Amino acid sequence: MPQESTILLDKKVIEMLKEAKDYPQQTYNELLSQMAKFFLMLKKRNQYDEFLHKIQQPKMKELWNNKEDEIWDEI
């Protein structure tokens, strides 16, 4: 038997949840579970994007901050 609890939600949040349902009979438990999984997936992707950005920074500085490009600023 699954353990259940009660949570207090602002009425505005409840209205948003109602709008977010995929179908009228969808339970809030199903909806929140789906939302949580999606959120966690986005969080992981964002961490991956940040990782890529950090490892690309040194190479981009190398490409952008060089003497050959500075010559064009003087022309």
PDB file of N, CA and C in Angstrom:
ATOM      1  N   MET A   1       0.836  -1.174   0.000  1.00  0.00           N
ATOM      2  CA  MET A   1       0.000   0.000   0.000  1.00  0.00           C
ATOM      3  C   MET A   1       0.884   1.241   0.000  1.00  0.00           C
ATOM      4  N   PRO A   2       0.712   2.136  -0.979  1.00  0.00           N
ATOM      5  CA  PRO A   2       1.558   3.321  -1.040  1.00  0.00           C
ATOM      6  C   PRO A   2       1.267   4.277   0.122  1.00  0.00           C
ATOM      7  N   GLN A   3       2.309   4.919   0.574  1.00  0.00           N
ATOM      8  CA  GLN A   3       2.137   5.906   1.628  1.00  0.00           C
ATOM      9  C   GLN A   3       1.670   7.209   1.002  1.00  0.00           C
ATOM     10  N   GLU A   4       0.755   7.863   1.654  1.00  0.00           N
ATOM     11  CA  GLU A   4       0.213   9.110   1.134  1.00  0.00           C
ATOM     12  C   GLU A   4       0.341  10.189   2.186  1.00  0.00           C
ATOM     13  N   SER A   5       0.362  11.442   1.710  1.00  0.00           N
ATOM     14  CA  SER A   5       0.389  12.574   2.622  1.00  0.00           C
ATOM     15  C   SER A   5      -0.477  13.691   2.052  1.00  0.00           C
ATOM     16  N   THR A   6      -0.703  14.670   2.858  1.00  0.00           N
ATOM     17  CA  THR A   6      -1.488  15.825   2.447  1.00  0.00           C
ATOM     18  C   THR A   6      -0.554  17.026   2.376  1.00  0.00           C
ATOM     19  N   ILE A   7      -0.686  17.801   1.312  1.00  0.00           N
ATOM     20  CA  ILE A   7       0.108  19.024   1.194  1.00  0.00           C
ATOM     21  C   ILE A   7      -0.829  20.199   0.964  1.00  0.00           C
ATOM     22  N   LEU A   8      -0.423  21.360   1.449  1.00  0.00           N
ATOM     23  CA  LEU A   8      -1.208  22.567   1.240  1.00  0.00           C
ATOM     24  C   LEU A   8      -0.688  23.286   0.012  1.00  0.00           C
ATOM     25  N   LEU A   9      -1.587  23.639  -0.889  1.00  0.00           N
ATOM     26  CA  LEU A   9      -1.220  24.356  -2.102  1.00  0.00           C
ATOM     27  C   LEU A   9      -2.045  25.630  -2.211  1.00  0.00           C
ATOM     28  N   ASP A  10      -1.416  26.651  -2.704  1.00  0.00           N
ATOM     29  CA  ASP A  10      -2.106  27.900  -2.983  1.00  0.00           C
ATOM     30  C   ASP A  10      -3.162  27.638  -4.054  1.00  0.00           C
ATOM     31  N   LYS A  11      -4.284  28.312  -3.981  1.00  0.00           N
ATOM     32  CA  LYS A  11      -5.364  28.102  -4.962  1.00  0.00           C
ATOM     33  C   LYS A  11      -4.898  28.404  -6.388  1.00  0.00           C
ATOM     34  N   LYS A  12      -3.989  29.357  -6.542  1.00  0.00           N
ATOM     35  CA  LYS A  12      -3.451  29.666  -7.882  1.00  0.00           C
ATOM     36  C   LYS A  12      -2.677  28.470  -8.443  1.00  0.00           C
ATOM     37  N   VAL A  13      -1.952  27.798  -7.569  1.00  0.00           N
ATOM     38  CA  VAL A  13      -1.190  26.610  -7.989  1.00  0.00           C
ATOM     39  C   VAL A  13      -2.154  25.505  -8.404  1.00  0.00           C
ATOM     40  N   ILE A  14      -3.217  25.327  -7.643  1.00  0.00           N
ATOM     41  CA  ILE A  14      -4.214  24.307  -7.973  1.00  0.00           C
ATOM     42  C   ILE A  14      -4.841  24.599  -9.334  1.00  0.00           C
ATOM     43  N   GLU A  15      -5.114  25.864  -9.608  1.00  0.00           N
ATOM     44  CA  GLU A  15      -5.680  26.238 -10.915  1.00  0.00           C
ATOM     45  C   GLU A  15      -4.700  25.934 -12.042  1.00  0.00           C
ATOM     46  N   MET A  16      -3.419  26.214 -11.801  1.00  0.00           N
ATOM     47  CA  MET A  16      -2.408  25.899 -12.823  1.00  0.00           C
ATOM     48  C   MET A  16      -2.316  24.394 -13.044  1.00  0.00           C
ATOM     49  N   LEU A  17      -2.400  23.634 -11.970  1.00  0.00           N
ATOM     50  CA  LEU A  17      -2.361  22.176 -12.100  1.00  0.00           C
ATOM     51  C   LEU A  17      -3.555  21.669 -12.902  1.00  0.00           C
ATOM     52  N   LYS A  18      -4.711  22.237 -12.649  1.00  0.00           N
ATOM     53  CA  LYS A  18      -5.905  21.844 -13.413  1.00  0.00           C
ATOM     54  C   LYS A  18      -5.701  22.104 -14.899  1.00  0.00           C
ATOM     55  N   GLU A  19      -5.124  23.251 -15.229  1.00  0.00           N
ATOM     56  CA  GLU A  19      -4.866  23.587 -16.638  1.00  0.00           C
ATOM     57  C   GLU A  19      -3.814  22.680 -17.256  1.00  0.00           C
ATOM     58  N   ALA A  20      -2.890  22.194 -16.439  1.00  0.00           N
ATOM     59  CA  ALA A  20      -1.786  21.384 -16.952  1.00  0.00           C
ATOM     60  C   ALA A  20      -2.154  19.921 -17.184  1.00  0.00           C
ATOM     61  N   LYS A  21      -3.298  19.504 -16.688  1.00  0.00           N
ATOM     62  CA  LYS A  21      -3.692  18.098 -16.842  1.00  0.00           C
ATOM     63  C   LYS A  21      -3.779  17.709 -18.314  1.00  0.00           C
ATOM     64  N   ASP A  22      -3.329  16.484 -18.613  1.00  0.00           N
ATOM     65  CA  ASP A  22      -3.413  15.958 -19.972  1.00  0.00           C
ATOM     66  C   ASP A  22      -4.833  15.507 -20.305  1.00  0.00           C
ATOM     67  N   TYR A  23      -5.543  15.064 -19.301  1.00  0.00           N
ATOM     68  CA  TYR A  23      -6.925  14.615 -19.468  1.00  0.00           C
ATOM     69  C   TYR A  23      -7.654  14.861 -18.143  1.00  0.00           C
ATOM     70  N   PRO A  24      -8.960  15.061 -18.184  1.00  0.00           N
ATOM     71  CA  PRO A  24      -9.709  15.447 -16.973  1.00  0.00           C
ATOM     72  C   PRO A  24      -9.575  14.492 -15.788  1.00  0.00           C
ATOM     73  N   GLN A  25      -9.450  13.196 -16.031  1.00  0.00           N
ATOM     74  CA  GLN A  25      -9.381  12.233 -14.931  1.00  0.00           C
ATOM     75  C   GLN A  25      -7.971  12.066 -14.364  1.00  0.00           C
ATOM     76  N   GLN A  26      -7.005  12.740 -14.940  1.00  0.00           N
ATOM     77  CA  GLN A  26      -5.629  12.610 -14.458  1.00  0.00           C
ATOM     78  C   GLN A  26      -5.540  13.119 -13.019  1.00  0.00           C
ATOM     79  N   THR A  27      -4.917  12.330 -12.163  1.00  0.00           N
ATOM     80  CA  THR A  27      -4.806  12.727 -10.766  1.00  0.00           C
ATOM     81  C   THR A  27      -3.658  13.723 -10.604  1.00  0.00           C
ATOM     82  N   TYR A  28      -3.736  14.490  -9.532  1.00  0.00           N
ATOM     83  CA  TYR A  28      -2.644  15.419  -9.248  1.00  0.00           C
ATOM     84  C   TYR A  28      -1.361  14.647  -8.971  1.00  0.00           C
ATOM     85  N   ASN A  29      -1.473  13.482  -8.375  1.00  0.00           N
ATOM     86  CA  ASN A  29      -0.306  12.652  -8.116  1.00  0.00           C
ATOM     87  C   ASN A  29       0.391  12.274  -9.430  1.00  0.00           C
ATOM     88  N   GLU A  30      -0.387  11.837 -10.419  1.00  0.00           N
ATOM     89  CA  GLU A  30       0.180  11.491 -11.732  1.00  0.00           C
ATOM     90  C   GLU A  30       0.815  12.720 -12.377  1.00  0.00           C
ATOM     91  N   LEU A  31       0.102  13.826 -12.326  1.00  0.00           N
ATOM     92  CA  LEU A  31       0.576  15.057 -12.950  1.00  0.00           C
ATOM     93  C   LEU A  31       1.865  15.541 -12.295  1.00  0.00           C
ATOM     94  N   LEU A  32       1.888  15.587 -10.972  1.00  0.00           N
ATOM     95  CA  LEU A  32       3.081  16.057 -10.273  1.00  0.00           C
ATOM     96  C   LEU A  32       4.254  15.115 -10.468  1.00  0.00           C
ATOM     97  N   SER A  33       3.994  13.825 -10.546  1.00  0.00           N
ATOM     98  CA  SER A  33       5.056  12.857 -10.820  1.00  0.00           C
ATOM     99  C   SER A  33       5.654  13.107 -12.207  1.00  0.00           C
ATOM    100  N   GLN A  34       4.788  13.314 -13.187  1.00  0.00           N
ATOM    101  CA  GLN A  34       5.229  13.603 -14.553  1.00  0.00           C
ATOM    102  C   GLN A  34       6.025  14.909 -14.592  1.00  0.00           C
ATOM    103  N   MET A  35       5.536  15.917 -13.891  1.00  0.00           N
ATOM    104  CA  MET A  35       6.232  17.210 -13.862  1.00  0.00           C
ATOM    105  C   MET A  35       7.596  17.084 -13.191  1.00  0.00           C
ATOM    106  N   ALA A  36       7.665  16.329 -12.098  1.00  0.00           N
ATOM    107  CA  ALA A  36       8.926  16.159 -11.383  1.00  0.00           C
ATOM    108  C   ALA A  36       9.955  15.445 -12.261  1.00  0.00           C
ATOM    109  N   LYS A  37       9.539  14.402 -12.980  1.00  0.00           N
ATOM    110  CA  LYS A  37      10.451  13.680 -13.876  1.00  0.00           C
ATOM    111  C   LYS A  37      10.973  14.613 -14.965  1.00  0.00           C
ATOM    112  N   PHE A  38      10.090  15.422 -15.534  1.00  0.00           N
ATOM    113  CA  PHE A  38      10.475  16.358 -16.577  1.00  0.00           C
ATOM    114  C   PHE A  38      11.444  17.403 -16.028  1.00  0.00           C
ATOM    115  N   PHE A  39      11.159  17.914 -14.846  1.00  0.00           N
ATOM    116  CA  PHE A  39      12.022  18.904 -14.216  1.00  0.00           C
ATOM    117  C   PHE A  39      13.418  18.341 -13.969  1.00  0.00           C
ATOM    118  N   LEU A  40      13.488  17.115 -13.451  1.00  0.00           N
ATOM    119  CA  LEU A  40      14.783  16.493 -13.188  1.00  0.00           C
ATOM    120  C   LEU A  40      15.568  16.277 -14.482  1.00  0.00           C
ATOM    121  N   MET A  41      14.872  15.913 -15.552  1.00  0.00           N
ATOM    122  CA  MET A  41      15.522  15.732 -16.845  1.00  0.00           C
ATOM    123  C   MET A  41      16.103  17.068 -17.329  1.00  0.00           C
ATOM    124  N   LEU A  42      15.327  18.150 -17.189  1.00  0.00           N
ATOM    125  CA  LEU A  42      15.811  19.468 -17.596  1.00  0.00           C
ATOM    126  C   LEU A  42      17.009  19.909 -16.765  1.00  0.00           C
ATOM    127  N   LYS A  43      16.966  19.599 -15.479  1.00  0.00           N
ATOM    128  CA  LYS A  43      18.079  19.948 -14.603  1.00  0.00           C
ATOM    129  C   LYS A  43      19.362  19.256 -15.049  1.00  0.00           C
ATOM    130  N   LYS A  44      19.256  17.971 -15.383  1.00  0.00           N
ATOM    131  CA  LYS A  44      20.432  17.229 -15.849  1.00  0.00           C
ATOM    132  C   LYS A  44      20.938  17.814 -17.158  1.00  0.00           C
ATOM    133  N   ARG A  45      20.015  18.151 -18.051  1.00  0.00           N
ATOM    134  CA  ARG A  45      20.424  18.712 -19.339  1.00  0.00           C
ATOM    135  C   ARG A  45      21.103  20.054 -19.140  1.00  0.00           C
ATOM    136  N   ASN A  46      20.562  20.871 -18.238  1.00  0.00           N
ATOM    137  CA  ASN A  46      21.164  22.163 -17.967  1.00  0.00           C
ATOM    138  C   ASN A  46      22.572  22.001 -17.409  1.00  0.00           C
ATOM    139  N   GLN A  47      22.770  21.006 -16.546  1.00  0.00           N
ATOM    140  CA  GLN A  47      24.104  20.745 -16.004  1.00  0.00           C
ATOM    141  C   GLN A  47      25.048  20.339 -17.129  1.00  0.00           C
ATOM    142  N   TYR A  48      24.554  19.554 -18.077  1.00  0.00           N
ATOM    143  CA  TYR A  48      25.364  19.134 -19.221  1.00  0.00           C
ATOM    144  C   TYR A  48      25.726  20.341 -20.083  1.00  0.00           C
ATOM    145  N   ASP A  49      24.748  21.224 -20.335  1.00  0.00           N
ATOM    146  CA  ASP A  49      25.009  22.428 -21.128  1.00  0.00           C
ATOM    147  C   ASP A  49      26.040  23.328 -20.442  1.00  0.00           C
ATOM    148  N   GLU A  50      25.921  23.476 -19.123  1.00  0.00           N
ATOM    149  CA  GLU A  50      26.892  24.278 -18.381  1.00  0.00           C
ATOM    150  C   GLU A  50      28.277  23.650 -18.456  1.00  0.00           C
ATOM    151  N   PHE A  51      28.341  22.322 -18.370  1.00  0.00           N
ATOM    152  CA  PHE A  51      29.613  21.613 -18.476  1.00  0.00           C
ATOM    153  C   PHE A  51      30.254  21.875 -19.834  1.00  0.00           C
ATOM    154  N   LEU A  52      29.465  21.755 -20.907  1.00  0.00           N
ATOM    155  CA  LEU A  52      30.002  22.012 -22.244  1.00  0.00           C
ATOM    156  C   LEU A  52      30.497  23.438 -22.376  1.00  0.00           C
ATOM    157  N   HIS A  53      29.727  24.367 -21.847  1.00  0.00           N
ATOM    158  CA  HIS A  53      30.108  25.774 -21.926  1.00  0.00           C
ATOM    159  C   HIS A  53      31.445  26.007 -21.220  1.00  0.00           C
ATOM    160  N   LYS A  54      31.630  25.405 -20.049  1.00  0.00           N
ATOM    161  CA  LYS A  54      32.861  25.602 -19.289  1.00  0.00           C
ATOM    162  C   LYS A  54      34.071  25.011 -19.991  1.00  0.00           C
ATOM    163  N   ILE A  55      33.897  23.841 -20.606  1.00  0.00           N
ATOM    164  CA  ILE A  55      35.061  23.243 -21.268  1.00  0.00           C
ATOM    165  C   ILE A  55      35.369  23.939 -22.594  1.00  0.00           C
ATOM    166  N   GLN A  56      34.397  24.653 -23.162  1.00  0.00           N
ATOM    167  CA  GLN A  56      34.631  25.371 -24.407  1.00  0.00           C
ATOM    168  C   GLN A  56      35.252  26.745 -24.176  1.00  0.00           C
ATOM    169  N   GLN A  57      35.098  27.307 -23.005  1.00  0.00           N
ATOM    170  CA  GLN A  57      35.591  28.651 -22.727  1.00  0.00           C
ATOM    171  C   GLN A  57      37.067  28.858 -23.028  1.00  0.00           C
ATOM    172  N   PRO A  58      37.963  27.993 -22.564  1.00  0.00           N
ATOM    173  CA  PRO A  58      39.386  28.229 -22.860  1.00  0.00           C
ATOM    174  C   PRO A  58      39.687  28.259 -24.360  1.00  0.00           C
ATOM    175  N   LYS A  59      39.070  27.363 -25.107  1.00  0.00           N
ATOM    176  CA  LYS A  59      39.325  27.324 -26.554  1.00  0.00           C
ATOM    177  C   LYS A  59      38.766  28.573 -27.222  1.00  0.00           C
ATOM    178  N   MET A  60      37.600  29.029 -26.782  1.00  0.00           N
ATOM    179  CA  MET A  60      37.022  30.229 -27.375  1.00  0.00           C
ATOM    180  C   MET A  60      37.887  31.461 -27.076  1.00  0.00           C
ATOM    181  N   LYS A  61      38.431  31.533 -25.867  1.00  0.00           N
ATOM    182  CA  LYS A  61      39.329  32.647 -25.535  1.00  0.00           C
ATOM    183  C   LYS A  61      40.573  32.598 -26.411  1.00  0.00           C
ATOM    184  N   GLU A  62      41.070  31.385 -26.625  1.00  0.00           N
ATOM    185  CA  GLU A  62      42.248  31.204 -27.483  1.00  0.00           C
ATOM    186  C   GLU A  62      41.954  31.680 -28.900  1.00  0.00           C
ATOM    187  N   LEU A  63      40.777  31.350 -29.400  1.00  0.00           N
ATOM    188  CA  LEU A  63      40.415  31.739 -30.758  1.00  0.00           C
ATOM    189  C   LEU A  63      40.121  33.233 -30.884  1.00  0.00           C
ATOM    190  N   TRP A  64      39.498  33.795 -29.881  1.00  0.00           N
ATOM    191  CA  TRP A  64      39.070  35.194 -29.970  1.00  0.00           C
ATOM    192  C   TRP A  64      40.128  36.189 -29.522  1.00  0.00           C
ATOM    193  N   ASN A  65      40.946  35.810 -28.577  1.00  0.00           N
ATOM    194  CA  ASN A  65      41.952  36.725 -28.044  1.00  0.00           C
ATOM    195  C   ASN A  65      43.317  36.402 -28.642  1.00  0.00           C
ATOM    196  N   ASN A  66      43.515  36.835 -29.866  1.00  0.00           N
ATOM    197  CA  ASN A  66      44.809  36.597 -30.492  1.00  0.00           C
ATOM    198  C   ASN A  66      45.247  37.842 -31.253  1.00  0.00           C
ATOM    199  N   LYS A  67      46.528  37.935 -31.527  1.00  0.00           N
ATOM    200  CA  LYS A  67      47.119  39.116 -32.165  1.00  0.00           C
ATOM    201  C   LYS A  67      46.568  39.346 -33.571  1.00  0.00           C
ATOM    202  N   GLU A  68      46.309  38.283 -34.305  1.00  0.00           N
ATOM    203  CA  GLU A  68      45.839  38.428 -35.671  1.00  0.00           C
ATOM    204  C   GLU A  68      44.492  39.176 -35.708  1.00  0.00           C
ATOM    205  N   ASP A  69      43.631  38.882 -34.768  1.00  0.00           N
ATOM    206  CA  ASP A  69      42.339  39.551 -34.728  1.00  0.00           C
ATOM    207  C   ASP A  69      42.443  40.992 -34.247  1.00  0.00           C
ATOM    208  N   GLU A  70      43.430  41.284 -33.388  1.00  0.00           N
ATOM    209  CA  GLU A  70      43.591  42.631 -32.880  1.00  0.00           C
ATOM    210  C   GLU A  70      43.984  43.597 -33.996  1.00  0.00           C
ATOM    211  N   ILE A  71      44.648  43.106 -35.028  1.00  0.00           N
ATOM    212  CA  ILE A  71      45.030  43.945 -36.161  1.00  0.00           C
ATOM    213  C   ILE A  71      43.801  44.569 -36.809  1.00  0.00           C
ATOM    214  N   TRP A  72      42.720  43.808 -36.876  1.00  0.00           N
ATOM    215  CA  TRP A  72      41.500  44.317 -37.503  1.00  0.00           C
ATOM    216  C   TRP A  72      40.888  45.479 -36.716  1.00  0.00           C
ATOM    217  N   ASP A  73      41.122  45.535 -35.441  1.00  0.00           N
ATOM    218  CA  ASP A  73      40.618  46.640 -34.628  1.00  0.00           C
ATOM    219  C   ASP A  73      41.287  47.953 -35.003  1.00  0.00           C
ATOM    220  N   GLU A  74      42.524  47.874 -35.477  1.00  0.00           N
ATOM    221  CA  GLU A  74      43.299  49.087 -35.802  1.00  0.00           C
ATOM    222  C   GLU A  74      43.013  49.596 -37.214  1.00  0.00           C
ATOM    223  N   ILE A  75      42.404  48.817 -38.041  1.00  0.00           N
ATOM    224  CA  ILE A  75      42.150  49.217 -39.437  1.00  0.00           C
ATOM    225  C   ILE A  75      40.962  50.139 -39.532  1.00  0.00           C
TER     226      ILE A  75
END
